[in-house]
Amino acid sequence: MDVDWQNSGGIVALGLLVIALVLTLAGVETVAGYEVLSAGQSAFGFLAAGNFSLGVLSAGIFSVGIFSAGVFAVGIFSVGIFAVGPFAFGIYAVGFYATQRYVASSEASSQE
């Protein structure tokens, strides 16, 4: 079975949400010094949401994490206007996936 890495971002996000839910229900408040759930102006946690968020799954204007979504997103799976990461989606996306898609479309148009 071949894995389609282009559609793996949603799976990763759901997996992280399930992990955060299980940890929260188990009463675990911190993981490696990070709060499991963190929200606020400056949020630092496993599942962080805020204007400046840093965590495994972070959402906000300036978000840094493994899966980050925001205007300025930096992470492995980053979604935003300015996205930087191996799998980056955005208007100004810098990453392996964006580069690969650009090269593939260039090669397809040059073969026509």
N, C-alpha and C. Protein backbone atom coordinates (compact mmCIF):
# COMPACT_ATOMS: atom_id res chain seq x y z
N MET A 1 0.83 -1.18 0.00
CA MET A 1 0.00 0.00 0.00
C MET A 1 0.88 1.24 0.00
N ASP A 2 0.68 2.10 -1.00
CA ASP A 2 1.45 3.33 -1.09
C ASP A 2 0.79 4.42 -0.25
N VAL A 3 1.62 5.18 0.45
CA VAL A 3 1.13 6.28 1.28
C VAL A 3 1.16 7.55 0.46
N ASP A 4 0.04 8.25 0.41
CA ASP A 4 -0.03 9.53 -0.29
C ASP A 4 0.30 10.63 0.71
N TRP A 5 1.54 11.10 0.70
CA TRP A 5 2.02 12.07 1.68
C TRP A 5 1.39 13.43 1.49
N GLN A 6 0.78 13.68 0.31
CA GLN A 6 0.16 14.97 0.07
C GLN A 6 -1.07 15.18 0.95
N ASN A 7 -1.72 14.11 1.36
CA ASN A 7 -2.93 14.20 2.16
C ASN A 7 -2.71 13.80 3.61
N SER A 8 -1.48 13.75 4.06
CA SER A 8 -1.19 13.28 5.42
C SER A 8 -1.33 14.36 6.49
N GLY A 9 -1.42 15.62 6.10
CA GLY A 9 -1.52 16.69 7.09
C GLY A 9 -2.73 16.56 7.99
N GLY A 10 -3.87 16.26 7.41
CA GLY A 10 -5.09 16.10 8.20
C GLY A 10 -5.02 14.91 9.14
N ILE A 11 -4.41 13.84 8.68
CA ILE A 11 -4.27 12.64 9.52
C ILE A 11 -3.38 12.94 10.73
N VAL A 12 -2.30 13.66 10.49
CA VAL A 12 -1.39 14.03 11.58
C VAL A 12 -2.12 14.92 12.59
N ALA A 13 -2.88 15.89 12.09
CA ALA A 13 -3.60 16.80 12.99
C ALA A 13 -4.62 16.04 13.82
N LEU A 14 -5.37 15.14 13.21
CA LEU A 14 -6.35 14.35 13.96
C LEU A 14 -5.68 13.45 14.98
N GLY A 15 -4.55 12.86 14.61
CA GLY A 15 -3.81 12.02 15.55
C GLY A 15 -3.35 12.81 16.76
N LEU A 16 -2.83 14.01 16.53
CA LEU A 16 -2.38 14.85 17.63
C LEU A 16 -3.54 15.30 18.51
N LEU A 17 -4.68 15.59 17.89
CA LEU A 17 -5.85 15.96 18.68
C LEU A 17 -6.33 14.81 19.55
N VAL A 18 -6.28 13.59 19.03
CA VAL A 18 -6.67 12.42 19.81
C VAL A 18 -5.72 12.22 20.98
N ILE A 19 -4.42 12.39 20.73
CA ILE A 19 -3.42 12.26 21.80
C ILE A 19 -3.68 13.31 22.88
N ALA A 20 -3.94 14.57 22.46
CA ALA A 20 -4.21 15.64 23.43
C ALA A 20 -5.48 15.34 24.22
N LEU A 21 -6.49 14.80 23.56
CA LEU A 21 -7.74 14.46 24.25
C LEU A 21 -7.52 13.36 25.27
N VAL A 22 -6.78 12.32 24.89
CA VAL A 22 -6.50 11.22 25.81
C VAL A 22 -5.70 11.71 27.02
N LEU A 23 -4.68 12.53 26.77
CA LEU A 23 -3.88 13.06 27.87
C LEU A 23 -4.72 13.93 28.80
N THR A 24 -5.59 14.75 28.22
CA THR A 24 -6.44 15.62 29.03
C THR A 24 -7.41 14.80 29.88
N LEU A 25 -8.04 13.80 29.28
CA LEU A 25 -8.97 12.96 30.02
C LEU A 25 -8.27 12.14 31.10
N ALA A 26 -7.00 11.80 30.86
CA ALA A 26 -6.24 11.05 31.86
C ALA A 26 -5.73 11.95 32.99
N GLY A 27 -5.93 13.24 32.86
CA GLY A 27 -5.50 14.15 33.91
C GLY A 27 -4.06 14.62 33.78
N VAL A 28 -3.42 14.35 32.66
CA VAL A 28 -2.05 14.79 32.44
C VAL A 28 -2.09 16.25 32.00
N GLU A 29 -1.42 17.11 32.74
CA GLU A 29 -1.44 18.54 32.41
C GLU A 29 -0.22 18.99 31.62
N THR A 30 0.91 18.31 31.80
CA THR A 30 2.11 18.70 31.07
C THR A 30 2.79 17.50 30.44
N VAL A 31 3.45 17.74 29.31
CA VAL A 31 4.26 16.73 28.63
C VAL A 31 5.60 17.38 28.34
N ALA A 32 6.65 16.85 28.94
CA ALA A 32 8.02 17.36 28.77
C ALA A 32 8.09 18.86 29.05
N GLY A 33 7.37 19.31 30.07
CA GLY A 33 7.40 20.71 30.45
C GLY A 33 6.41 21.59 29.70
N TYR A 34 5.76 21.06 28.67
CA TYR A 34 4.75 21.82 27.93
C TYR A 34 3.37 21.47 28.44
N GLU A 35 2.50 22.47 28.53
CA GLU A 35 1.12 22.20 28.89
C GLU A 35 0.46 21.44 27.75
N VAL A 36 -0.47 20.54 28.10
CA VAL A 36 -1.17 19.80 27.06
C VAL A 36 -2.07 20.75 26.28
N LEU A 37 -2.87 21.51 26.97
CA LEU A 37 -3.75 22.49 26.34
C LEU A 37 -3.34 23.87 26.80
N SER A 38 -3.06 24.74 25.85
CA SER A 38 -2.64 26.10 26.20
C SER A 38 -3.29 27.08 25.23
N ALA A 39 -3.90 28.11 25.76
CA ALA A 39 -4.52 29.13 24.93
C ALA A 39 -4.32 30.49 25.60
N GLY A 40 -4.08 31.48 24.78
CA GLY A 40 -3.90 32.83 25.31
C GLY A 40 -3.14 33.69 24.34
N GLN A 41 -2.76 34.88 24.80
CA GLN A 41 -2.00 35.79 23.95
C GLN A 41 -0.70 35.13 23.49
N SER A 42 0.02 34.55 24.42
CA SER A 42 1.23 33.78 24.12
C SER A 42 1.03 32.38 24.66
N ALA A 43 0.86 31.41 23.76
CA ALA A 43 0.54 30.05 24.17
C ALA A 43 1.70 29.12 23.84
N PHE A 44 2.14 28.38 24.83
CA PHE A 44 3.20 27.40 24.67
C PHE A 44 2.70 26.08 25.21
N GLY A 45 2.43 25.12 24.35
CA GLY A 45 1.91 23.85 24.83
C GLY A 45 1.82 22.81 23.74
N PHE A 46 1.43 21.61 24.13
CA PHE A 46 1.27 20.52 23.18
C PHE A 46 0.22 20.89 22.14
N LEU A 47 -0.89 21.45 22.58
CA LEU A 47 -1.95 21.93 21.70
C LEU A 47 -2.14 23.40 22.03
N ALA A 48 -1.46 24.27 21.30
CA ALA A 48 -1.41 25.69 21.64
C ALA A 48 -2.20 26.53 20.65
N ALA A 49 -2.95 27.47 21.17
CA ALA A 49 -3.71 28.39 20.33
C ALA A 49 -3.60 29.78 20.92
N GLY A 50 -3.22 30.72 20.08
CA GLY A 50 -3.09 32.11 20.53
C GLY A 50 -2.42 32.94 19.47
N ASN A 51 -2.22 34.23 19.75
CA ASN A 51 -1.56 35.09 18.77
C ASN A 51 -0.13 34.63 18.52
N PHE A 52 0.58 34.27 19.57
CA PHE A 52 1.94 33.74 19.46
C PHE A 52 1.92 32.35 20.07
N SER A 53 1.85 31.32 19.26
CA SER A 53 1.71 29.96 19.78
C SER A 53 2.89 29.10 19.37
N LEU A 54 3.35 28.28 20.30
CA LEU A 54 4.47 27.38 20.09
C LEU A 54 4.09 26.04 20.69
N GLY A 55 4.09 24.99 19.86
CA GLY A 55 3.73 23.67 20.37
C GLY A 55 3.69 22.64 19.26
N VAL A 56 3.32 21.44 19.63
CA VAL A 56 3.23 20.36 18.64
C VAL A 56 2.16 20.68 17.62
N LEU A 57 0.99 21.06 18.08
CA LEU A 57 -0.12 21.46 17.20
C LEU A 57 -0.47 22.88 17.58
N SER A 58 -0.01 23.86 16.82
CA SER A 58 -0.18 25.26 17.21
C SER A 58 -0.96 26.02 16.16
N ALA A 59 -1.81 26.90 16.62
CA ALA A 59 -2.62 27.73 15.73
C ALA A 59 -2.62 29.16 16.24
N GLY A 60 -2.38 30.10 15.34
CA GLY A 60 -2.37 31.50 15.73
C GLY A 60 -1.76 32.35 14.63
N ILE A 61 -1.59 33.62 14.91
CA ILE A 61 -1.01 34.52 13.92
C ILE A 61 0.45 34.14 13.68
N PHE A 62 1.21 33.98 14.73
CA PHE A 62 2.60 33.53 14.64
C PHE A 62 2.67 32.17 15.32
N SER A 63 2.68 31.08 14.55
CA SER A 63 2.67 29.74 15.14
C SER A 63 3.90 28.97 14.72
N VAL A 64 4.51 28.32 15.68
CA VAL A 64 5.70 27.50 15.45
C VAL A 64 5.45 26.15 16.08
N GLY A 65 5.58 25.08 15.29
CA GLY A 65 5.36 23.74 15.83
C GLY A 65 5.41 22.68 14.76
N ILE A 66 5.18 21.45 15.15
CA ILE A 66 5.19 20.35 14.19
C ILE A 66 4.06 20.53 13.20
N PHE A 67 2.85 20.80 13.68
CA PHE A 67 1.72 21.11 12.80
C PHE A 67 1.24 22.49 13.18
N SER A 68 1.55 23.49 12.36
CA SER A 68 1.22 24.87 12.71
C SER A 68 0.36 25.50 11.64
N ALA A 69 -0.61 26.27 12.08
CA ALA A 69 -1.51 26.97 11.17
C ALA A 69 -1.63 28.41 11.63
N GLY A 70 -1.40 29.33 10.70
CA GLY A 70 -1.51 30.74 11.04
C GLY A 70 -1.01 31.60 9.91
N VAL A 71 -1.01 32.91 10.12
CA VAL A 71 -0.52 33.81 9.09
C VAL A 71 0.96 33.57 8.84
N PHE A 72 1.75 33.51 9.90
CA PHE A 72 3.17 33.20 9.81
C PHE A 72 3.38 31.85 10.48
N ALA A 73 3.42 30.77 9.72
CA ALA A 73 3.48 29.41 10.26
C ALA A 73 4.84 28.79 9.94
N VAL A 74 5.49 28.25 10.96
CA VAL A 74 6.77 27.57 10.78
C VAL A 74 6.66 26.20 11.44
N GLY A 75 6.85 25.13 10.68
CA GLY A 75 6.76 23.79 11.25
C GLY A 75 6.87 22.71 10.19
N ILE A 76 6.79 21.47 10.62
CA ILE A 76 6.88 20.36 9.67
C ILE A 76 5.69 20.39 8.73
N PHE A 77 4.48 20.46 9.29
CA PHE A 77 3.27 20.62 8.50
C PHE A 77 2.74 22.01 8.80
N SER A 78 3.02 22.98 7.94
CA SER A 78 2.62 24.35 8.23
C SER A 78 1.64 24.85 7.17
N VAL A 79 0.61 25.51 7.64
CA VAL A 79 -0.43 26.04 6.78
C VAL A 79 -0.61 27.50 7.13
N GLY A 80 -0.50 28.38 6.14
CA GLY A 80 -0.68 29.80 6.40
C GLY A 80 -0.29 30.62 5.20
N ILE A 81 -0.41 31.94 5.32
CA ILE A 81 -0.03 32.81 4.21
C ILE A 81 1.47 32.71 3.99
N PHE A 82 2.24 32.82 5.06
CA PHE A 82 3.69 32.66 5.00
C PHE A 82 4.03 31.37 5.73
N ALA A 83 4.20 30.27 5.01
CA ALA A 83 4.41 28.96 5.62
C ALA A 83 5.82 28.46 5.29
N VAL A 84 6.52 28.01 6.32
CA VAL A 84 7.87 27.47 6.15
C VAL A 84 7.92 26.11 6.81
N GLY A 85 8.29 25.08 6.05
CA GLY A 85 8.39 23.74 6.60
C GLY A 85 8.50 22.71 5.49
N PRO A 86 8.84 21.47 5.84
CA PRO A 86 8.94 20.42 4.81
C PRO A 86 7.64 20.23 4.03
N PHE A 87 6.50 20.31 4.68
CA PHE A 87 5.20 20.22 4.01
C PHE A 87 4.48 21.53 4.28
N ALA A 88 4.74 22.55 3.45
CA ALA A 88 4.21 23.88 3.68
C ALA A 88 3.15 24.20 2.65
N PHE A 89 2.03 24.73 3.12
CA PHE A 89 0.93 25.13 2.25
C PHE A 89 0.62 26.59 2.52
N GLY A 90 0.65 27.42 1.48
CA GLY A 90 0.32 28.82 1.66
C GLY A 90 0.62 29.59 0.40
N ILE A 91 0.35 30.91 0.46
CA ILE A 91 0.63 31.75 -0.70
C ILE A 91 2.14 31.82 -0.91
N TYR A 92 2.87 32.05 0.17
CA TYR A 92 4.33 32.06 0.10
C TYR A 92 4.84 30.85 0.87
N ALA A 93 4.76 29.68 0.25
CA ALA A 93 5.13 28.43 0.92
C ALA A 93 6.56 28.06 0.56
N VAL A 94 7.34 27.79 1.59
CA VAL A 94 8.72 27.35 1.40
C VAL A 94 8.83 25.98 2.05
N GLY A 95 9.11 24.98 1.24
CA GLY A 95 9.22 23.65 1.78
C GLY A 95 9.36 22.61 0.70
N PHE A 96 9.59 21.39 1.13
CA PHE A 96 9.81 20.30 0.20
C PHE A 96 8.59 20.07 -0.68
N TYR A 97 7.40 20.03 -0.07
CA TYR A 97 6.18 19.76 -0.82
C TYR A 97 5.93 20.83 -1.87
N ALA A 98 6.04 22.10 -1.48
CA ALA A 98 5.80 23.19 -2.41
C ALA A 98 6.80 23.16 -3.56
N THR A 99 8.06 22.91 -3.25
CA THR A 99 9.08 22.84 -4.28
C THR A 99 8.83 21.67 -5.22
N GLN A 100 8.48 20.53 -4.65
CA GLN A 100 8.21 19.33 -5.46
C GLN A 100 7.03 19.58 -6.40
N ARG A 101 5.97 20.20 -5.91
CA ARG A 101 4.80 20.49 -6.74
C ARG A 101 5.16 21.45 -7.87
N TYR A 102 5.98 22.44 -7.57
CA TYR A 102 6.37 23.41 -8.59
C TYR A 102 7.21 22.74 -9.68
N VAL A 103 8.15 21.91 -9.27
CA VAL A 103 9.00 21.22 -10.24
C VAL A 103 8.17 20.26 -11.09
N ALA A 104 7.24 19.53 -10.46
CA ALA A 104 6.39 18.60 -11.20
C ALA A 104 5.53 19.33 -12.22
N SER A 105 4.98 20.47 -11.85
CA SER A 105 4.15 21.21 -12.81
C SER A 105 4.98 21.80 -13.93
N SER A 106 6.21 22.21 -13.63
CA SER A 106 7.10 22.72 -14.65
C SER A 106 7.48 21.65 -15.66
N GLU A 107 7.77 20.45 -15.15
CA GLU A 107 8.13 19.34 -16.04
C GLU A 107 6.94 18.93 -16.90
N ALA A 108 5.75 18.93 -16.34
CA ALA A 108 4.55 18.54 -17.09
C ALA A 108 4.27 19.55 -18.20
N SER A 109 4.44 20.84 -17.92
CA SER A 109 4.16 21.85 -18.94
C SER A 109 5.24 21.87 -20.02
N SER A 110 6.47 21.50 -19.69
CA SER A 110 7.54 21.50 -20.71
C SER A 110 7.44 20.29 -21.63
N GLN A 111 6.77 19.23 -21.20
CA GLN A 111 6.62 18.04 -22.03
C GLN A 111 5.48 18.18 -23.02
N GLU A 112 4.62 19.18 -22.85
CA GLU A 112 3.48 19.36 -23.75
C GLU A 112 3.88 19.97 -25.06
